[in-house]
Structures are given as C-alpha cells and as structure tokens.
Amino acid sequence: MLADVADALTLNQPALQDHGRRTRAAAPFPTHPPYGWAPYIEEGRLRWSLVEL
C-alpha cells in the first residue's frame, strides 16, 4: 500500500486502483464504476479526492 501511495504522489495517478477494481468485481451487482484516490494540495496540506477510474 505504501508503494501505491508513493506512486500516486510521484506519478500523479490515483492510488488504490487495484483495490477499487477488485471491490467492484466482487460485488454481485456493481452499481458504480471502480474508484481510486487522487492526491492534491490545498492550503499547504495533502488531500485526497475520490476519482472514477
């Protein structure tokens, strides 16, 4: 997980993409697309926003 977060911060890509895809695939009736978390800076603080993959 730490490597995934490090990649998100250095490569500007959403974190936990595999987790989002596995969670959606395991649902008997998926009702939404898979999600990941994208990092951004707001007022000098690291924040994460939910993004559709």
Protein backbone atom coordinates (compact mmCIF):
# COMPACT_ATOMS: atom_id res chain seq x y z
CA MET A 1 0.00 0.00 0.00
CA LEU A 2 2.84 2.41 0.77
CA ALA A 3 4.35 1.82 -2.67
CA ASP A 4 0.94 2.53 -4.23
CA VAL A 5 0.63 5.81 -2.29
CA ALA A 6 4.21 6.75 -3.23
CA ASP A 7 3.40 6.15 -6.91
CA ALA A 8 0.29 8.30 -6.59
CA LEU A 9 2.33 11.16 -5.16
CA THR A 10 5.24 10.94 -7.59
CA LEU A 11 3.49 9.88 -10.80
CA ASN A 12 0.31 11.93 -10.34
CA GLN A 13 -2.02 8.96 -10.63
CA PRO A 14 -4.84 7.71 -8.38
CA ALA A 15 -3.91 5.42 -5.50
CA LEU A 16 -5.65 2.13 -4.66
CA GLN A 17 -6.71 1.47 -8.26
CA ASP A 18 -6.39 -2.30 -7.93
CA HIS A 19 -8.39 -2.28 -4.71
CA GLY A 20 -11.20 -0.29 -6.37
CA ARG A 21 -11.33 -2.69 -9.31
CA ARG A 22 -11.31 -5.79 -7.08
CA THR A 23 -14.05 -4.38 -4.84
CA ARG A 24 -16.25 -3.66 -7.85
CA ALA A 25 -15.59 -7.07 -9.40
CA ALA A 26 -16.54 -8.81 -6.14
CA ALA A 27 -19.92 -7.05 -5.89
CA PRO A 28 -22.81 -9.24 -7.05
CA PHE A 29 -24.48 -6.29 -8.77
CA PRO A 30 -21.95 -3.49 -9.34
CA THR A 31 -23.83 -0.20 -9.49
CA HIS A 32 -20.93 2.20 -9.86
CA PRO A 33 -17.59 2.29 -11.65
CA PRO A 34 -14.39 1.50 -9.74
CA TYR A 35 -12.82 4.34 -7.78
CA GLY A 36 -9.36 5.39 -6.67
CA TRP A 37 -7.96 8.29 -4.65
CA ALA A 38 -6.13 11.21 -6.30
CA PRO A 39 -3.76 13.37 -4.23
CA TYR A 40 -3.82 17.16 -4.31
CA ILE A 41 -2.51 20.03 -2.20
CA GLU A 42 -4.93 22.51 -0.62
CA GLU A 43 -3.77 25.29 1.67
CA GLY A 44 -0.41 23.57 2.08
CA ARG A 45 -1.96 20.24 3.12
CA LEU A 46 -2.09 16.93 1.34
CA ARG A 47 -5.68 15.96 0.50
CA TRP A 48 -7.22 13.03 -1.35
CA SER A 49 -10.24 13.09 -3.63
CA LEU A 50 -12.30 10.15 -4.81
CA VAL A 51 -11.99 9.71 -8.59
CA GLU A 52 -13.64 7.38 -11.05
CA LEU A 53 -11.20 5.02 -12.80
